PDB file of all heavy atoms in Angstrom:
ATOM      1  N   PRO A   1     -25.577 -64.846 -22.707  1.00  0.00           N
ATOM      2  CA  PRO A   1     -24.182 -64.213 -23.000  1.00  0.00           C
ATOM      3  C   PRO A   1     -23.094 -65.004 -22.341  1.00  0.00           C
ATOM      4  O   PRO A   1     -23.282 -65.887 -21.606  1.00  0.00           O
ATOM      5  CB  PRO A   1     -24.356 -62.841 -22.418  1.00  0.00           C
ATOM      6  CG  PRO A   1     -25.375 -62.975 -21.310  1.00  0.00           C
ATOM      7  CD  PRO A   1     -26.341 -64.090 -21.811  1.00  0.00           C
ATOM      8  N   THR A   2     -21.893 -64.627 -22.782  1.00  0.00           N
ATOM      9  CA  THR A   2     -20.665 -65.306 -22.207  1.00  0.00           C
ATOM     10  C   THR A   2     -20.720 -65.388 -20.621  1.00  0.00           C
ATOM     11  O   THR A   2     -21.098 -64.420 -19.929  1.00  0.00           O
ATOM     12  CB  THR A   2     -19.408 -64.471 -22.613  1.00  0.00           C
ATOM     13  OG1 THR A   2     -19.324 -64.500 -23.999  1.00  0.00           O
ATOM     14  CG2 THR A   2     -18.171 -65.014 -21.956  1.00  0.00           C
ATOM     15  N   GLY A   3     -20.401 -66.555 -20.148  1.00  0.00           N
ATOM     16  CA  GLY A   3     -20.415 -66.909 -18.745  1.00  0.00           C
ATOM     17  C   GLY A   3     -21.694 -67.565 -18.325  1.00  0.00           C
ATOM     18  O   GLY A   3     -21.770 -68.017 -17.125  1.00  0.00           O
ATOM     19  N   THR A   4     -22.687 -67.688 -19.203  1.00  0.00           N
ATOM     20  CA  THR A   4     -23.892 -68.362 -18.839  1.00  0.00           C
ATOM     21  C   THR A   4     -23.686 -69.869 -18.879  1.00  0.00           C
ATOM     22  O   THR A   4     -23.024 -70.410 -19.736  1.00  0.00           O
ATOM     23  CB  THR A   4     -25.019 -68.019 -19.862  1.00  0.00           C
ATOM     24  OG1 THR A   4     -25.141 -66.611 -19.869  1.00  0.00           O
ATOM     25  CG2 THR A   4     -26.287 -68.722 -19.603  1.00  0.00           C
ATOM     26  N   GLU A   5     -24.355 -70.545 -17.869  1.00  0.00           N
ATOM     27  CA  GLU A   5     -24.253 -72.072 -17.835  1.00  0.00           C
ATOM     28  C   GLU A   5     -25.034 -72.618 -18.946  1.00  0.00           C
ATOM     29  O   GLU A   5     -26.122 -72.216 -19.377  1.00  0.00           O
ATOM     30  CB  GLU A   5     -24.798 -72.530 -16.498  1.00  0.00           C
ATOM     31  CG  GLU A   5     -24.029 -72.067 -15.288  1.00  0.00           C
ATOM     32  CD  GLU A   5     -24.645 -72.580 -13.987  1.00  0.00           C
ATOM     33  OE1 GLU A   5     -25.742 -73.232 -14.087  1.00  0.00           O
ATOM     34  OE2 GLU A   5     -24.093 -72.355 -12.892  1.00  0.00           O
ATOM     35  N   ALA A   6     -24.442 -73.661 -19.569  1.00  0.00           N
ATOM     36  CA  ALA A   6     -25.184 -74.444 -20.595  1.00  0.00           C
ATOM     37  C   ALA A   6     -24.758 -75.930 -20.625  1.00  0.00           C
ATOM     38  O   ALA A   6     -23.551 -76.187 -20.321  1.00  0.00           O
ATOM     39  CB  ALA A   6     -24.835 -73.782 -21.978  1.00  0.00           C
ATOM     40  N   PHE A   7     -25.647 -76.745 -20.800  1.00  0.00           N
ATOM     41  CA  PHE A   7     -25.485 -78.226 -20.816  1.00  0.00           C
ATOM     42  C   PHE A   7     -26.322 -78.839 -21.833  1.00  0.00           C
ATOM     43  O   PHE A   7     -27.558 -78.575 -21.996  1.00  0.00           O
ATOM     44  CB  PHE A   7     -25.795 -78.796 -19.492  1.00  0.00           C
ATOM     45  CG  PHE A   7     -25.424 -80.283 -19.409  1.00  0.00           C
ATOM     46  CD1 PHE A   7     -24.166 -80.694 -19.139  1.00  0.00           C
ATOM     47  CD2 PHE A   7     -26.387 -81.243 -19.531  1.00  0.00           C
ATOM     48  CE1 PHE A   7     -23.903 -82.047 -19.090  1.00  0.00           C
ATOM     49  CE2 PHE A   7     -26.205 -82.626 -19.416  1.00  0.00           C
ATOM     50  CZ  PHE A   7     -24.904 -82.975 -19.149  1.00  0.00           C
ATOM     51  N   GLN A   8     -25.750 -79.779 -22.642  1.00  0.00           N
ATOM     52  CA  GLN A   8     -26.526 -80.453 -23.683  1.00  0.00           C
ATOM     53  C   GLN A   8     -26.003 -81.870 -23.902  1.00  0.00           C
ATOM     54  O   GLN A   8     -24.865 -82.138 -23.673  1.00  0.00           O
ATOM     55  CB  GLN A   8     -26.382 -79.684 -24.999  1.00  0.00           C
ATOM     56  CG  GLN A   8     -27.287 -80.144 -26.173  1.00  0.00           C
ATOM     57  CD  GLN A   8     -28.755 -80.013 -25.800  1.00  0.00           C
ATOM     58  OE1 GLN A   8     -29.274 -80.965 -25.307  1.00  0.00           O
ATOM     59  NE2 GLN A   8     -29.297 -78.805 -25.984  1.00  0.00           N
ATOM     60  N   GLU A   9     -26.902 -82.810 -24.330  1.00  0.00           N
ATOM     61  CA  GLU A   9     -26.532 -84.141 -24.631  1.00  0.00           C
ATOM     62  C   GLU A   9     -27.201 -84.485 -25.905  1.00  0.00           C
ATOM     63  O   GLU A   9     -28.266 -84.000 -26.277  1.00  0.00           O
ATOM     64  CB  GLU A   9     -26.872 -85.124 -23.449  1.00  0.00           C
ATOM     65  CG  GLU A   9     -28.337 -85.029 -22.975  1.00  0.00           C
ATOM     66  CD  GLU A   9     -29.295 -85.726 -23.879  1.00  0.00           C
ATOM     67  OE1 GLU A   9     -28.871 -86.762 -24.500  1.00  0.00           O
ATOM     68  OE2 GLU A   9     -30.412 -85.285 -23.975  1.00  0.00           O
ATOM     69  N   ASP A  10     -26.661 -85.612 -26.580  1.00  0.00           N
ATOM     70  CA  ASP A  10     -27.293 -86.129 -27.767  1.00  0.00           C
ATOM     71  C   ASP A  10     -26.969 -87.614 -27.972  1.00  0.00           C
ATOM     72  O   ASP A  10     -25.810 -87.975 -27.586  1.00  0.00           O
ATOM     73  CB  ASP A  10     -26.822 -85.363 -28.961  1.00  0.00           C
ATOM     74  CG  ASP A  10     -27.879 -85.330 -30.109  1.00  0.00           C
ATOM     75  OD1 ASP A  10     -28.388 -86.407 -30.474  1.00  0.00           O
ATOM     76  OD2 ASP A  10     -28.285 -84.214 -30.587  1.00  0.00           O
ATOM     77  N   GLY A  11     -27.866 -88.403 -28.414  1.00  0.00           N
ATOM     78  CA  GLY A  11     -27.642 -89.867 -28.707  1.00  0.00           C
ATOM     79  C   GLY A  11     -27.657 -89.946 -30.172  1.00  0.00           C
ATOM     80  O   GLY A  11     -28.589 -90.614 -30.775  1.00  0.00           O
ATOM     81  N   GLY A  12     -26.715 -89.422 -30.918  1.00  0.00           N
ATOM     82  CA  GLY A  12     -26.662 -89.470 -32.393  1.00  0.00           C
ATOM     83  C   GLY A  12     -26.445 -90.945 -32.879  1.00  0.00           C
ATOM     84  O   GLY A  12     -26.091 -91.811 -32.133  1.00  0.00           O
ATOM     85  N   ALA A  13     -26.601 -91.097 -34.174  1.00  0.00           N
ATOM     86  CA  ALA A  13     -26.447 -92.327 -34.877  1.00  0.00           C
ATOM     87  C   ALA A  13     -25.548 -92.163 -36.125  1.00  0.00           C
ATOM     88  O   ALA A  13     -25.812 -91.207 -36.878  1.00  0.00           O
ATOM     89  CB  ALA A  13     -27.759 -92.885 -35.308  1.00  0.00           C
ATOM     90  N   ALA A  14     -24.507 -92.997 -36.176  1.00  0.00           N
ATOM     91  CA  ALA A  14     -23.606 -92.916 -37.296  1.00  0.00           C
ATOM     92  C   ALA A  14     -23.423 -94.202 -37.909  1.00  0.00           C
ATOM     93  O   ALA A  14     -23.235 -95.234 -37.150  1.00  0.00           O
ATOM     94  CB  ALA A  14     -22.227 -92.358 -36.875  1.00  0.00           C
ATOM     95  N   ILE A  15     -23.490 -94.460 -39.247  1.00  0.00           N
ATOM     96  CA  ILE A  15     -23.367 -95.627 -39.944  1.00  0.00           C
ATOM     97  C   ILE A  15     -22.440 -95.480 -41.105  1.00  0.00           C
ATOM     98  O   ILE A  15     -22.345 -94.396 -41.641  1.00  0.00           O
ATOM     99  CB  ILE A  15     -24.722 -96.199 -40.326  1.00  0.00           C
ATOM    100  CG1 ILE A  15     -25.387 -95.306 -41.307  1.00  0.00           C
ATOM    101  CG2 ILE A  15     -25.566 -96.574 -39.155  1.00  0.00           C
ATOM    102  CD1 ILE A  15     -26.749 -95.886 -41.898  1.00  0.00           C
ATOM    103  N   ALA A  16     -21.785 -96.590 -41.418  1.00  0.00           N
ATOM    104  CA  ALA A  16     -20.800 -96.472 -42.518  1.00  0.00           C
ATOM    105  C   ALA A  16     -21.217 -97.603 -43.581  1.00  0.00           C
ATOM    106  O   ALA A  16     -21.761 -98.693 -43.160  1.00  0.00           O
ATOM    107  CB  ALA A  16     -19.375 -96.770 -42.067  1.00  0.00           C
ATOM    108  N   PRO A  17     -20.879 -97.437 -44.857  1.00  0.00           N
ATOM    109  CA  PRO A  17     -21.143 -98.528 -45.902  1.00  0.00           C
ATOM    110  C   PRO A  17     -20.510 -99.866 -45.539  1.00  0.00           C
ATOM    111  O   PRO A  17     -21.092-100.973 -45.891  1.00  0.00           O
ATOM    112  CB  PRO A  17     -20.551 -97.937 -47.108  1.00  0.00           C
ATOM    113  CG  PRO A  17     -20.592 -96.493 -46.908  1.00  0.00           C
ATOM    114  CD  PRO A  17     -20.280 -96.270 -45.513  1.00  0.00           C
ATOM    115  N   SER A  18     -19.495 -99.866 -44.794  1.00  0.00           N
ATOM    116  CA  SER A  18     -18.772-101.148 -44.430  1.00  0.00           C
ATOM    117  C   SER A  18     -19.627-101.938 -43.383  1.00  0.00           C
ATOM    118  O   SER A  18     -19.287-103.100 -43.152  1.00  0.00           O
ATOM    119  CB  SER A  18     -17.435-100.855 -43.750  1.00  0.00           C
ATOM    120  OG  SER A  18     -17.546-100.008 -42.652  1.00  0.00           O
ATOM    121  N   GLY A  19     -20.606-101.278 -42.774  1.00  0.00           N
ATOM    122  CA  GLY A  19     -21.453-101.974 -41.763  1.00  0.00           C
ATOM    123  C   GLY A  19     -21.261-101.521 -40.360  1.00  0.00           C
ATOM    124  O   GLY A  19     -21.910-101.847 -39.437  1.00  0.00           O
ATOM    125  N   PHE A  20     -20.070-100.820 -40.138  1.00  0.00           N
ATOM    126  CA  PHE A  20     -19.823-100.265 -38.811  1.00  0.00           C
ATOM    127  C   PHE A  20     -20.810 -99.241 -38.424  1.00  0.00           C
ATOM    128  O   PHE A  20     -21.314 -98.475 -39.188  1.00  0.00           O
ATOM    129  CB  PHE A  20     -18.426 -99.697 -38.745  1.00  0.00           C
ATOM    130  CG  PHE A  20     -17.957 -99.409 -37.322  1.00  0.00           C
ATOM    131  CD1 PHE A  20     -17.242-100.259 -36.654  1.00  0.00           C
ATOM    132  CD2 PHE A  20     -18.275 -98.106 -36.795  1.00  0.00           C
ATOM    133  CE1 PHE A  20     -16.919-100.072 -35.306  1.00  0.00           C
ATOM    134  CE2 PHE A  20     -17.805 -97.859 -35.462  1.00  0.00           C
ATOM    135  CZ  PHE A  20     -17.122 -98.792 -34.806  1.00  0.00           C
ATOM    136  N   GLN A  21     -21.233 -99.258 -37.079  1.00  0.00           N
ATOM    137  CA  GLN A  21     -22.254 -98.291 -36.708  1.00  0.00           C
ATOM    138  C   GLN A  21     -22.063 -97.892 -35.233  1.00  0.00           C
ATOM    139  O   GLN A  21     -21.465 -98.668 -34.482  1.00  0.00           O
ATOM    140  CB  GLN A  21     -23.724 -98.880 -36.920  1.00  0.00           C
ATOM    141  CG  GLN A  21     -23.805-100.203 -36.304  1.00  0.00           C
ATOM    142  CD  GLN A  21     -25.166-100.801 -36.758  1.00  0.00           C
ATOM    143  OE1 GLN A  21     -26.014-100.227 -37.362  1.00  0.00           O
ATOM    144  NE2 GLN A  21     -25.415-102.087 -36.336  1.00  0.00           N
ATOM    145  N   MET A  22     -22.527 -96.712 -34.912  1.00  0.00           N
ATOM    146  CA  MET A  22     -22.561 -96.162 -33.588  1.00  0.00           C
ATOM    147  C   MET A  22     -24.021 -95.793 -33.266  1.00  0.00           C
ATOM    148  O   MET A  22     -24.553 -94.867 -33.895  1.00  0.00           O
ATOM    149  CB  MET A  22     -21.629 -95.040 -33.296  1.00  0.00           C
ATOM    150  CG  MET A  22     -20.187 -95.271 -33.597  1.00  0.00           C
ATOM    151  SD  MET A  22     -19.004 -94.047 -32.914  1.00  0.00           S
ATOM    152  CE  MET A  22     -19.762 -92.477 -33.226  1.00  0.00           C
ATOM    153  N   LEU A  23     -24.726 -96.601 -32.489  1.00  0.00           N
ATOM    154  CA  LEU A  23     -26.154 -96.358 -32.291  1.00  0.00           C
ATOM    155  C   LEU A  23     -26.554 -96.262 -30.817  1.00  0.00           C
ATOM    156  O   LEU A  23     -26.012 -96.929 -29.984  1.00  0.00           O
ATOM    157  CB  LEU A  23     -26.950 -97.523 -32.954  1.00  0.00           C
ATOM    158  CG  LEU A  23     -26.690 -97.847 -34.391  1.00  0.00           C
ATOM    159  CD1 LEU A  23     -27.402 -99.155 -34.825  1.00  0.00           C
ATOM    160  CD2 LEU A  23     -27.127 -96.620 -35.258  1.00  0.00           C
ATOM    161  N   GLY A  24     -27.518 -95.393 -30.557  1.00  0.00           N
ATOM    162  CA  GLY A  24     -28.042 -95.252 -29.199  1.00  0.00           C
ATOM    163  C   GLY A  24     -27.049 -94.756 -28.194  1.00  0.00           C
ATOM    164  O   GLY A  24     -27.167 -94.861 -27.002  1.00  0.00           O
ATOM    165  N   HIS A  25     -25.912 -94.214 -28.665  1.00  0.00           N
ATOM    166  CA  HIS A  25     -24.863 -93.691 -27.772  1.00  0.00           C
ATOM    167  C   HIS A  25     -25.266 -92.263 -27.234  1.00  0.00           C
ATOM    168  O   HIS A  25     -25.950 -91.498 -27.879  1.00  0.00           O
ATOM    169  CB  HIS A  25     -23.504 -93.635 -28.428  1.00  0.00           C
ATOM    170  CG  HIS A  25     -23.521 -93.179 -29.829  1.00  0.00           C
ATOM    171  ND1 HIS A  25     -24.292 -93.662 -30.832  1.00  0.00           N
ATOM    172  CD2 HIS A  25     -22.877 -92.043 -30.380  1.00  0.00           C
ATOM    173  CE1 HIS A  25     -24.057 -92.960 -31.965  1.00  0.00           C
ATOM    174  NE2 HIS A  25     -23.340 -92.007 -31.719  1.00  0.00           N
TER     175      HIS A  25
END
């Protein structure tokens, strides 16, 4: 419930047709 501690992380991957990418972040 409200006030409870919470912590999360993620190393998502995003790519675009132009070739730009964000990997392993």
